[in-house]
């Protein structure tokens, strides 16, 4: 979003992407353009706050995921040790009881 000076007058344009190109969309000049410009700025700030909130949420979830992954890893190690001590062995993704000890 930007104001452009042309022939001594100010005009408000919105920039938007269409495919790989950036297209200028004329909004207007004067009071209406001022109000649209202020609304666009408020929308931009709201999107930035939403993005920051979302990034905090993602970081918090990543921390919980990492903690959960470590608990799962420890649980698998305990289960593996228990099976091995009970006379089982892994075979093609399955635990099987040893025939001979």
PDB file of N, CA and C in Angstrom:
ATOM      1  N   UNK A   1       0.849  -1.163   0.000  1.00  0.00           N
ATOM      2  CA  UNK A   1       0.000   0.000   0.000  1.00  0.00           C
ATOM      3  C   UNK A   1       0.899   1.232   0.000  1.00  0.00           C
ATOM      4  N   UNK A   2       0.559   2.161  -0.863  1.00  0.00           N
ATOM      5  CA  UNK A   2       1.434   3.326  -0.915  1.00  0.00           C
ATOM      6  C   UNK A   2       0.710   4.531  -1.503  1.00  0.00           C
ATOM      7  N   UNK A   3       1.220   5.639  -1.101  1.00  0.00           N
ATOM      8  CA  UNK A   3       0.794   6.905  -1.665  1.00  0.00           C
ATOM      9  C   UNK A   3       1.784   7.255  -2.764  1.00  0.00           C
ATOM     10  N   UNK A   4       1.263   7.744  -3.875  1.00  0.00           N
ATOM     11  CA  UNK A   4       2.125   8.144  -4.977  1.00  0.00           C
ATOM     12  C   UNK A   4       1.793   9.577  -5.354  1.00  0.00           C
ATOM     13  N   UNK A   5       2.839  10.341  -5.622  1.00  0.00           N
ATOM     14  CA  UNK A   5       2.669  11.733  -6.077  1.00  0.00           C
ATOM     15  C   UNK A   5       2.749  11.751  -7.597  1.00  0.00           C
ATOM     16  N   UNK A   6       1.691  12.261  -8.227  1.00  0.00           N
ATOM     17  CA  UNK A   6       1.661  12.387  -9.685  1.00  0.00           C
ATOM     18  C   UNK A   6       1.094  13.753 -10.026  1.00  0.00           C
ATOM     19  N   UNK A   7       1.871  14.519 -10.761  1.00  0.00           N
ATOM     20  CA  UNK A   7       1.463  15.873 -11.184  1.00  0.00           C
ATOM     21  C   UNK A   7       1.061  16.731  -9.990  1.00  0.00           C
ATOM     22  N   UNK A   8       1.788  16.607  -8.890  1.00  0.00           N
ATOM     23  CA  UNK A   8       1.548  17.440  -7.719  1.00  0.00           C
ATOM     24  C   UNK A   8       0.379  17.001  -6.864  1.00  0.00           C
ATOM     25  N   UNK A   9      -0.257  15.891  -7.187  1.00  0.00           N
ATOM     26  CA  UNK A   9      -1.373  15.387  -6.381  1.00  0.00           C
ATOM     27  C   UNK A   9      -1.007  14.018  -5.821  1.00  0.00           C
ATOM     28  N   UNK A  10      -1.621  13.679  -4.676  1.00  0.00           N
ATOM     29  CA  UNK A  10      -1.349  12.385  -4.042  1.00  0.00           C
ATOM     30  C   UNK A  10      -2.494  11.429  -4.342  1.00  0.00           C
ATOM     31  N   UNK A  11      -2.110  10.218  -4.720  1.00  0.00           N
ATOM     32  CA  UNK A  11      -3.071   9.161  -5.013  1.00  0.00           C
ATOM     33  C   UNK A  11      -2.681   7.924  -4.218  1.00  0.00           C
ATOM     34  N   UNK A  12      -3.696   7.215  -3.766  1.00  0.00           N
ATOM     35  CA  UNK A  12      -3.440   6.009  -2.987  1.00  0.00           C
ATOM     36  C   UNK A  12      -3.633   4.786  -3.874  1.00  0.00           C
ATOM     37  N   UNK A  13      -2.627   3.909  -3.870  1.00  0.00           N
ATOM     38  CA  UNK A  13      -2.648   2.679  -4.651  1.00  0.00           C
ATOM     39  C   UNK A  13      -2.411   1.493  -3.730  1.00  0.00           C
ATOM     40  N   UNK A  14      -3.080   0.397  -4.018  1.00  0.00           N
ATOM     41  CA  UNK A  14      -2.806  -0.865  -3.346  1.00  0.00           C
ATOM     42  C   UNK A  14      -1.990  -1.716  -4.303  1.00  0.00           C
ATOM     43  N   UNK A  15      -1.032  -2.402  -3.763  1.00  0.00           N
ATOM     44  CA  UNK A  15      -0.229  -3.314  -4.572  1.00  0.00           C
ATOM     45  C   UNK A  15      -0.660  -4.727  -4.219  1.00  0.00           C
ATOM     46  N   UNK A  16      -0.847  -5.554  -5.229  1.00  0.00           N
ATOM     47  CA  UNK A  16      -1.187  -6.949  -4.987  1.00  0.00           C
ATOM     48  C   UNK A  16      -0.494  -7.806  -6.022  1.00  0.00           C
ATOM     49  N   UNK A  17      -0.282  -9.039  -5.655  1.00  0.00           N
ATOM     50  CA  UNK A  17       0.437  -9.960  -6.527  1.00  0.00           C
ATOM     51  C   UNK A  17      -0.568 -10.803  -7.313  1.00  0.00           C
ATOM     52  N   UNK A  18      -0.343 -10.853  -8.623  1.00  0.00           N
ATOM     53  CA  UNK A  18      -1.131 -11.702  -9.507  1.00  0.00           C
ATOM     54  C   UNK A  18      -0.136 -12.605 -10.211  1.00  0.00           C
ATOM     55  N   UNK A  19      -0.079 -13.856  -9.753  1.00  0.00           N
ATOM     56  CA  UNK A  19       0.941 -14.755 -10.280  1.00  0.00           C
ATOM     57  C   UNK A  19       2.309 -14.270  -9.828  1.00  0.00           C
ATOM     58  N   UNK A  20       3.175 -13.977 -10.786  1.00  0.00           N
ATOM     59  CA  UNK A  20       4.520 -13.470 -10.465  1.00  0.00           C
ATOM     60  C   UNK A  20       4.599 -11.954 -10.575  1.00  0.00           C
ATOM     61  N   UNK A  21       3.556 -11.323 -11.051  1.00  0.00           N
ATOM     62  CA  UNK A  21       3.570  -9.878 -11.255  1.00  0.00           C
ATOM     63  C   UNK A  21       2.937  -9.139 -10.086  1.00  0.00           C
ATOM     64  N   UNK A  22       3.387  -7.919  -9.869  1.00  0.00           N
ATOM     65  CA  UNK A  22       2.777  -7.040  -8.875  1.00  0.00           C
ATOM     66  C   UNK A  22       1.934  -6.029  -9.637  1.00  0.00           C
ATOM     67  N   UNK A  23       0.656  -5.945  -9.250  1.00  0.00           N
ATOM     68  CA  UNK A  23      -0.295  -5.086  -9.939  1.00  0.00           C
ATOM     69  C   UNK A  23      -0.693  -3.947  -9.011  1.00  0.00           C
ATOM     70  N   UNK A  24      -0.709  -2.715  -9.543  1.00  0.00           N
ATOM     71  CA  UNK A  24      -1.165  -1.553  -8.776  1.00  0.00           C
ATOM     72  C   UNK A  24      -2.663  -1.386  -8.981  1.00  0.00           C
ATOM     73  N   UNK A  25      -3.370  -1.214  -7.877  1.00  0.00           N
ATOM     74  CA  UNK A  25      -4.813  -1.025  -7.928  1.00  0.00           C
ATOM     75  C   UNK A  25      -5.120   0.377  -7.414  1.00  0.00           C
ATOM     76  N   UNK A  26      -5.670   1.211  -8.260  1.00  0.00           N
ATOM     77  CA  UNK A  26      -5.988   2.584  -7.871  1.00  0.00           C
ATOM     78  C   UNK A  26      -7.144   2.578  -6.884  1.00  0.00           C
ATOM     79  N   UNK A  27      -6.971   3.312  -5.760  1.00  0.00           N
ATOM     80  CA  UNK A  27      -8.018   3.411  -4.750  1.00  0.00           C
ATOM     81  C   UNK A  27      -8.660   4.784  -4.807  1.00  0.00           C
ATOM     82  N   UNK A  28      -7.849   5.826  -4.860  1.00  0.00           N
ATOM     83  CA  UNK A  28      -8.410   7.160  -4.936  1.00  0.00           C
ATOM     84  C   UNK A  28      -7.491   8.193  -4.330  1.00  0.00           C
ATOM     85  N   UNK A  29      -8.058   9.390  -4.103  1.00  0.00           N
ATOM     86  CA  UNK A  29      -7.311  10.482  -3.475  1.00  0.00           C
ATOM     87  C   UNK A  29      -8.257  11.208  -2.535  1.00  0.00           C
ATOM     88  N   UNK A  30      -7.704  12.064  -1.715  1.00  0.00           N
ATOM     89  CA  UNK A  30      -8.542  12.839  -0.818  1.00  0.00           C
ATOM     90  C   UNK A  30      -8.926  12.097   0.442  1.00  0.00           C
ATOM     91  N   UNK A  31     -10.069  12.485   1.005  1.00  0.00           N
ATOM     92  CA  UNK A  31     -10.520  11.963   2.285  1.00  0.00           C
ATOM     93  C   UNK A  31     -10.818  10.462   2.233  1.00  0.00           C
ATOM     94  N   UNK A  32     -11.447  10.018   1.175  1.00  0.00           N
ATOM     95  CA  UNK A  32     -11.772   8.594   1.066  1.00  0.00           C
ATOM     96  C   UNK A  32     -10.497   7.764   1.029  1.00  0.00           C
ATOM     97  N   UNK A  33      -9.525   8.207   0.278  1.00  0.00           N
ATOM     98  CA  UNK A  33      -8.252   7.484   0.202  1.00  0.00           C
ATOM     99  C   UNK A  33      -7.552   7.474   1.565  1.00  0.00           C
ATOM    100  N   UNK A  34      -7.636   8.577   2.305  1.00  0.00           N
ATOM    101  CA  UNK A  34      -7.055   8.639   3.652  1.00  0.00           C
ATOM    102  C   UNK A  34      -7.694   7.585   4.552  1.00  0.00           C
ATOM    103  N   UNK A  35      -9.032   7.485   4.510  1.00  0.00           N
ATOM    104  CA  UNK A  35      -9.728   6.517   5.349  1.00  0.00           C
ATOM    105  C   UNK A  35      -9.378   5.087   4.940  1.00  0.00           C
ATOM    106  N   UNK A  36      -9.309   4.820   3.641  1.00  0.00           N
ATOM    107  CA  UNK A  36      -8.949   3.481   3.169  1.00  0.00           C
ATOM    108  C   UNK A  36      -7.518   3.159   3.576  1.00  0.00           C
ATOM    109  N   UNK A  37      -6.640   4.150   3.492  1.00  0.00           N
ATOM    110  CA  UNK A  37      -5.243   3.964   3.875  1.00  0.00           C
ATOM    111  C   UNK A  37      -5.130   3.610   5.361  1.00  0.00           C
ATOM    112  N   UNK A  38      -5.864   4.325   6.203  1.00  0.00           N
ATOM    113  CA  UNK A  38      -5.852   4.042   7.638  1.00  0.00           C
ATOM    114  C   UNK A  38      -6.423   2.654   7.931  1.00  0.00           C
ATOM    115  N   UNK A  39      -7.496   2.272   7.231  1.00  0.00           N
ATOM    116  CA  UNK A  39      -8.077   0.945   7.422  1.00  0.00           C
ATOM    117  C   UNK A  39      -7.085  -0.137   6.990  1.00  0.00           C
ATOM    118  N   UNK A  40      -6.399   0.087   5.877  1.00  0.00           N
ATOM    119  CA  UNK A  40      -5.394  -0.873   5.413  1.00  0.00           C
ATOM    120  C   UNK A  40      -4.267  -1.009   6.434  1.00  0.00           C
ATOM    121  N   UNK A  41      -3.859   0.101   7.033  1.00  0.00           N
ATOM    122  CA  UNK A  41      -2.791   0.063   8.041  1.00  0.00           C
ATOM    123  C   UNK A  41      -3.250  -0.710   9.282  1.00  0.00           C
ATOM    124  N   UNK A  42      -4.497  -0.499   9.719  1.00  0.00           N
ATOM    125  CA  UNK A  42      -5.018  -1.240  10.864  1.00  0.00           C
ATOM    126  C   UNK A  42      -5.103  -2.731  10.547  1.00  0.00           C
ATOM    127  N   UNK A  43      -5.539  -3.057   9.322  1.00  0.00           N
ATOM    128  CA  UNK A  43      -5.599  -4.464   8.909  1.00  0.00           C
ATOM    129  C   UNK A  43      -4.200  -5.078   8.895  1.00  0.00           C
ATOM    130  N   UNK A  44      -3.217  -4.331   8.409  1.00  0.00           N
ATOM    131  CA  UNK A  44      -1.838  -4.816   8.352  1.00  0.00           C
ATOM    132  C   UNK A  44      -1.313  -5.078   9.764  1.00  0.00           C
ATOM    133  N   UNK A  45      -1.579  -4.166  10.696  1.00  0.00           N
ATOM    134  CA  UNK A  45      -1.134  -4.358  12.085  1.00  0.00           C
ATOM    135  C   UNK A  45      -1.829  -5.554  12.723  1.00  0.00           C
ATOM    136  N   UNK A  46      -3.114  -5.736  12.439  1.00  0.00           N
ATOM    137  CA  UNK A  46      -3.845  -6.879  12.980  1.00  0.00           C
ATOM    138  C   UNK A  46      -3.270  -8.191  12.448  1.00  0.00           C
ATOM    139  N   UNK A  47      -2.964  -8.236  11.147  1.00  0.00           N
ATOM    140  CA  UNK A  47      -2.363  -9.443  10.568  1.00  0.00           C
ATOM    141  C   UNK A  47      -1.012  -9.722  11.208  1.00  0.00           C
ATOM    142  N   UNK A  48      -0.223  -8.663  11.476  1.00  0.00           N
ATOM    143  CA  UNK A  48       1.082  -8.842  12.102  1.00  0.00           C
ATOM    144  C   UNK A  48       0.918  -9.390  13.523  1.00  0.00           C
ATOM    145  N   UNK A  49      -0.041  -8.868  14.281  1.00  0.00           N
ATOM    146  CA  UNK A  49      -0.290  -9.369  15.634  1.00  0.00           C
ATOM    147  C   UNK A  49      -0.764 -10.821  15.590  1.00  0.00           C
ATOM    148  N   UNK A  50      -1.640 -11.138  14.637  1.00  0.00           N
ATOM    149  CA  UNK A  50      -2.116 -12.515  14.496  1.00  0.00           C
ATOM    150  C   UNK A  50      -0.952 -13.445  14.157  1.00  0.00           C
ATOM    151  N   UNK A  51      -0.064 -12.997  13.272  1.00  0.00           N
ATOM    152  CA  UNK A  51       1.082 -13.807  12.882  1.00  0.00           C
ATOM    153  C   UNK A  51       2.003 -14.043  14.072  1.00  0.00           C
ATOM    154  N   UNK A  52       2.252 -12.998  14.869  1.00  0.00           N
ATOM    155  CA  UNK A  52       3.110 -13.147  16.045  1.00  0.00           C
ATOM    156  C   UNK A  52       2.473 -14.097  17.058  1.00  0.00           C
ATOM    157  N   UNK A  53       1.176 -13.982  17.259  1.00  0.00           N
ATOM    158  CA  UNK A  53       0.474 -14.875  18.174  1.00  0.00           C
ATOM    159  C   UNK A  53       0.559 -16.314  17.681  1.00  0.00           C
ATOM    160  N   UNK A  54       0.384 -16.514  16.392  1.00  0.00           N
ATOM    161  CA  UNK A  54       0.466 -17.849  15.812  1.00  0.00           C
ATOM    162  C   UNK A  54       1.868 -18.424  15.957  1.00  0.00           C
ATOM    163  N   UNK A  55       2.898 -17.601  15.742  1.00  0.00           N
ATOM    164  CA  UNK A  55       4.278 -18.067  15.880  1.00  0.00           C
ATOM    165  C   UNK A  55       4.591 -18.457  17.327  1.00  0.00           C
ATOM    166  N   UNK A  56       4.043 -17.712  18.304  1.00  0.00           N
ATOM    167  CA  UNK A  56       4.215 -18.082  19.709  1.00  0.00           C
ATOM    168  C   UNK A  56       3.529 -19.412  19.991  1.00  0.00           C
ATOM    169  N   UNK A  57       2.347 -19.583  19.434  1.00  0.00           N
ATOM    170  CA  UNK A  57       1.600 -20.829  19.602  1.00  0.00           C
ATOM    171  C   UNK A  57       2.382 -22.003  19.010  1.00  0.00           C
ATOM    172  N   UNK A  58       2.949 -21.819  17.840  1.00  0.00           N
ATOM    173  CA  UNK A  58       3.739 -22.866  17.189  1.00  0.00           C
ATOM    174  C   UNK A  58       4.972 -23.195  18.030  1.00  0.00           C
ATOM    175  N   UNK A  59       5.648 -22.184  18.555  1.00  0.00           N
ATOM    176  CA  UNK A  59       6.839 -22.423  19.375  1.00  0.00           C
ATOM    177  C   UNK A  59       6.483 -23.197  20.636  1.00  0.00           C
ATOM    178  N   UNK A  60       5.374 -22.846  21.265  1.00  0.00           N
ATOM    179  CA  UNK A  60       4.932 -23.541  22.475  1.00  0.00           C
ATOM    180  C   UNK A  60       4.597 -25.008  22.146  1.00  0.00           C
ATOM    181  N   UNK A  61       3.909 -25.225  21.021  1.00  0.00           N
ATOM    182  CA  UNK A  61       3.581 -26.601  20.622  1.00  0.00           C
ATOM    183  C   UNK A  61       4.827 -27.392  20.262  1.00  0.00           C
ATOM    184  N   UNK A  62       5.810 -26.750  19.648  1.00  0.00           N
ATOM    185  CA  UNK A  62       7.053 -27.445  19.297  1.00  0.00           C
ATOM    186  C   UNK A  62       7.772 -27.897  20.566  1.00  0.00           C
ATOM    187  N   UNK A  63       7.772 -27.047  21.585  1.00  0.00           N
ATOM    188  CA  UNK A  63       8.413 -27.418  22.854  1.00  0.00           C
ATOM    189  C   UNK A  63       7.711 -28.630  23.464  1.00  0.00           C
ATOM    190  N   UNK A  64       6.371 -28.629  23.456  1.00  0.00           N
ATOM    191  CA  UNK A  64       5.632 -29.771  23.999  1.00  0.00           C
ATOM    192  C   UNK A  64       5.879 -31.020  23.159  1.00  0.00           C
ATOM    193  N   UNK A  65       5.959 -30.879  21.840  1.00  0.00           N
ATOM    194  CA  UNK A  65       6.244 -32.020  20.969  1.00  0.00           C
ATOM    195  C   UNK A  65       7.618 -32.604  21.262  1.00  0.00           C
ATOM    196  N   UNK A  66       8.600 -31.741  21.465  1.00  0.00           N
ATOM    197  CA  UNK A  66       9.948 -32.220  21.782  1.00  0.00           C
ATOM    198  C   UNK A  66       9.967 -32.984  23.104  1.00  0.00           C
ATOM    199  N   UNK A  67       9.256 -32.468  24.103  1.00  0.00           N
ATOM    200  CA  UNK A  67       9.180 -33.157  25.391  1.00  0.00           C
ATOM    201  C   UNK A  67       8.474 -34.502  25.244  1.00  0.00           C
ATOM    202  N   UNK A  68       7.400 -34.525  24.476  1.00  0.00           N
ATOM    203  CA  UNK A  68       6.668 -35.769  24.256  1.00  0.00           C
ATOM    204  C   UNK A  68       7.532 -36.779  23.504  1.00  0.00           C
ATOM    205  N   UNK A  69       8.296 -36.316  22.519  1.00  0.00           N
ATOM    206  CA  UNK A  69       9.194 -37.210  21.782  1.00  0.00           C
ATOM    207  C   UNK A  69      10.219 -37.846  22.709  1.00  0.00           C
ATOM    208  N   UNK A  70      10.744 -37.090  23.652  1.00  0.00           N
ATOM    209  CA  UNK A  70      11.724 -37.662  24.576  1.00  0.00           C
ATOM    210  C   UNK A  70      11.066 -38.691  25.509  1.00  0.00           C
ATOM    211  N   UNK A  71       9.823 -38.441  25.926  1.00  0.00           N
ATOM    212  CA  UNK A  71       9.106 -39.414  26.757  1.00  0.00           C
ATOM    213  C   UNK A  71       8.850 -40.695  25.961  1.00  0.00           C
ATOM    214  N   UNK A  72       8.450 -40.556  24.706  1.00  0.00           N
ATOM    215  CA  UNK A  72       8.202 -41.728  23.857  1.00  0.00           C
ATOM    216  C   UNK A  72       9.489 -42.516  23.669  1.00  0.00           C
ATOM    217  N   UNK A  73      10.587 -41.827  23.430  1.00  0.00           N
ATOM    218  CA  UNK A  73      11.873 -42.494  23.247  1.00  0.00           C
ATOM    219  C   UNK A  73      12.281 -43.274  24.504  1.00  0.00           C
ATOM    220  N   UNK A  74      12.114 -42.663  25.667  1.00  0.00           N
ATOM    221  CA  UNK A  74      12.450 -43.362  26.916  1.00  0.00           C
ATOM    222  C   UNK A  74      11.534 -44.561  27.136  1.00  0.00           C
ATOM    223  N   UNK A  75      10.237 -44.413  26.831  1.00  0.00           N
ATOM    224  CA  UNK A  75       9.287 -45.517  26.990  1.00  0.00           C
ATOM    225  C   UNK A  75       9.657 -46.682  26.087  1.00  0.00           C
ATOM    226  N   UNK A  76      10.010 -46.384  24.841  1.00  0.00           N
ATOM    227  CA  UNK A  76      10.424 -47.447  23.921  1.00  0.00           C
ATOM    228  C   UNK A  76      11.677 -48.163  24.431  1.00  0.00           C
ATOM    229  N   UNK A  77      12.608 -47.404  25.003  1.00  0.00           N
ATOM    230  CA  UNK A  77      13.828 -48.022  25.531  1.00  0.00           C
ATOM    231  C   UNK A  77      13.497 -48.955  26.695  1.00  0.00           C
ATOM    232  N   UNK A  78      12.588 -48.535  27.563  1.00  0.00           N
ATOM    233  CA  UNK A  78      12.188 -49.374  28.707  1.00  0.00           C
ATOM    234  C   UNK A  78      11.477 -50.628  28.206  1.00  0.00           C
ATOM    235  N   UNK A  79      10.585 -50.488  27.259  1.00  0.00           N
ATOM    236  CA  UNK A  79       9.865 -51.646  26.712  1.00  0.00           C
ATOM    237  C   UNK A  79      10.841 -52.614  26.042  1.00  0.00           C
ATOM    238  N   UNK A  80      11.769 -52.067  25.255  1.00  0.00           N
ATOM    239  CA  UNK A  80      12.767 -52.916  24.596  1.00  0.00           C
ATOM    240  C   UNK A  80      13.581 -53.691  25.638  1.00  0.00           C
ATOM    241  N   UNK A  81      14.024 -53.003  26.675  1.00  0.00           N
ATOM    242  CA  UNK A  81      14.804 -53.673  27.721  1.00  0.00           C
ATOM    243  C   UNK A  81      13.977 -54.762  28.401  1.00  0.00           C
ATOM    244  N   UNK A  82      12.703 -54.480  28.665  1.00  0.00           N
ATOM    245  CA  UNK A  82      11.838 -55.464  29.318  1.00  0.00           C
ATOM    246  C   UNK A  82      11.650 -56.703  28.444  1.00  0.00           C
ATOM    247  N   UNK A  83      11.422 -56.499  27.142  1.00  0.00           N
ATOM    248  CA  UNK A  83      11.273 -57.638  26.238  1.00  0.00           C
ATOM    249  C   UNK A  83      12.559 -58.459  26.173  1.00  0.00           C
ATOM    250  N   UNK A  84      13.694 -57.789  26.056  1.00  0.00           N
ATOM    251  CA  UNK A  84      14.972 -58.506  25.975  1.00  0.00           C
ATOM    252  C   UNK A  84      15.224 -59.312  27.243  1.00  0.00           C
ATOM    253  N   UNK A  85      14.930 -58.729  28.402  1.00  0.00           N
ATOM    254  CA  UNK A  85      15.122 -59.444  29.660  1.00  0.00           C
ATOM    255  C   UNK A  85      14.136 -60.595  29.830  1.00  0.00           C
ATOM    256  N   UNK A  86      13.004 -60.527  29.148  1.00  0.00           N
ATOM    257  CA  UNK A  86      11.995 -61.589  29.242  1.00  0.00           C
ATOM    258  C   UNK A  86      12.228 -62.701  28.231  1.00  0.00           C
ATOM    259  N   UNK A  87      13.307 -62.624  27.448  1.00  0.00           N
ATOM    260  CA  UNK A  87      13.622 -63.691  26.511  1.00  0.00           C
ATOM    261  C   UNK A  87      13.067 -63.497  25.113  1.00  0.00           C
ATOM    262  N   UNK A  88      12.675 -62.311  24.777  1.00  0.00           N
ATOM    263  CA  UNK A  88      12.187 -62.042  23.428  1.00  0.00           C
ATOM    264  C   UNK A  88      13.311 -61.422  22.596  1.00  0.00           C
ATOM    265  N   UNK A  89      13.146 -61.484  21.272  1.00  0.00           N
ATOM    266  CA  UNK A  89      14.092 -60.820  20.373  1.00  0.00           C
ATOM    267  C   UNK A  89      13.304 -60.182  19.225  1.00  0.00           C
ATOM    268  N   UNK A  90      13.834 -59.074  18.666  1.00  0.00           N
ATOM    269  CA  UNK A  90      13.124 -58.447  17.550  1.00  0.00           C
ATOM    270  C   UNK A  90      13.368 -59.225  16.255  1.00  0.00           C
ATOM    271  N   UNK A  91      12.293 -59.446  15.495  1.00  0.00           N
ATOM    272  CA  UNK A  91      12.396 -60.156  14.225  1.00  0.00           C
ATOM    273  C   UNK A  91      11.445 -59.504  13.226  1.00  0.00           C
ATOM    274  N   UNK A  92      11.995 -58.829  12.235  1.00  0.00           N
ATOM    275  CA  UNK A  92      11.213 -58.167  11.179  1.00  0.00           C
ATOM    276  C   UNK A  92      10.108 -57.284  11.766  1.00  0.00           C
ATOM    277  N   UNK A  93      10.457 -56.480  12.754  1.00  0.00           N
ATOM    278  CA  UNK A  93       9.498 -55.542  13.347  1.00  0.00           C
ATOM    279  C   UNK A  93       8.581 -56.157  14.384  1.00  0.00           C
ATOM    280  N   UNK A  94       8.763 -57.435  14.689  1.00  0.00           N
ATOM    281  CA  UNK A  94       7.933 -58.094  15.691  1.00  0.00           C
ATOM    282  C   UNK A  94       8.822 -58.631  16.802  1.00  0.00           C
ATOM    283  N   UNK A  95       8.241 -58.768  17.972  1.00  0.00           N
ATOM    284  CA  UNK A  95       8.965 -59.377  19.093  1.00  0.00           C
ATOM    285  C   UNK A  95       8.563 -60.840  19.162  1.00  0.00           C
ATOM    286  N   UNK A  96       9.585 -61.699  19.170  1.00  0.00           N
ATOM    287  CA  UNK A  96       9.326 -63.145  19.232  1.00  0.00           C
ATOM    288  C   UNK A  96      10.080 -63.760  20.393  1.00  0.00           C
ATOM    289  N   UNK A  97       9.448 -64.775  20.962  1.00  0.00           N
ATOM    290  CA  UNK A  97      10.056 -65.496  22.080  1.00  0.00           C
ATOM    291  C   UNK A  97      11.162 -66.383  21.521  1.00  0.00           C
ATOM    292  N   UNK A  98      12.326 -66.362  22.182  1.00  0.00           N
ATOM    293  CA  UNK A  98      13.438 -67.232  21.756  1.00  0.00           C
ATOM    294  C   UNK A  98      13.047 -68.679  22.006  1.00  0.00           C
ATOM    295  N   UNK A  99      13.420 -69.566  21.070  1.00  0.00           N
ATOM    296  CA  UNK A  99      13.100 -70.983  21.230  1.00  0.00           C
ATOM    297  C   UNK A  99      14.046 -71.657  22.188  1.00  0.00           C
ATOM    298  N   UNK A 100      15.343 -71.309  22.063  1.00  0.00           N
ATOM    299  CA  UNK A 100      16.371 -71.967  22.873  1.00  0.00           C
ATOM    300  C   UNK A 100      17.132 -70.914  23.661  1.00  0.00           C
ATOM    301  N   UNK A 101      17.429 -71.229  24.886  1.00  0.00           N
ATOM    302  CA  UNK A 101      18.219 -70.286  25.687  1.00  0.00           C
ATOM    303  C   UNK A 101      19.513 -70.908  26.097  1.00  0.00           C
TER     304      UNK A 101
END
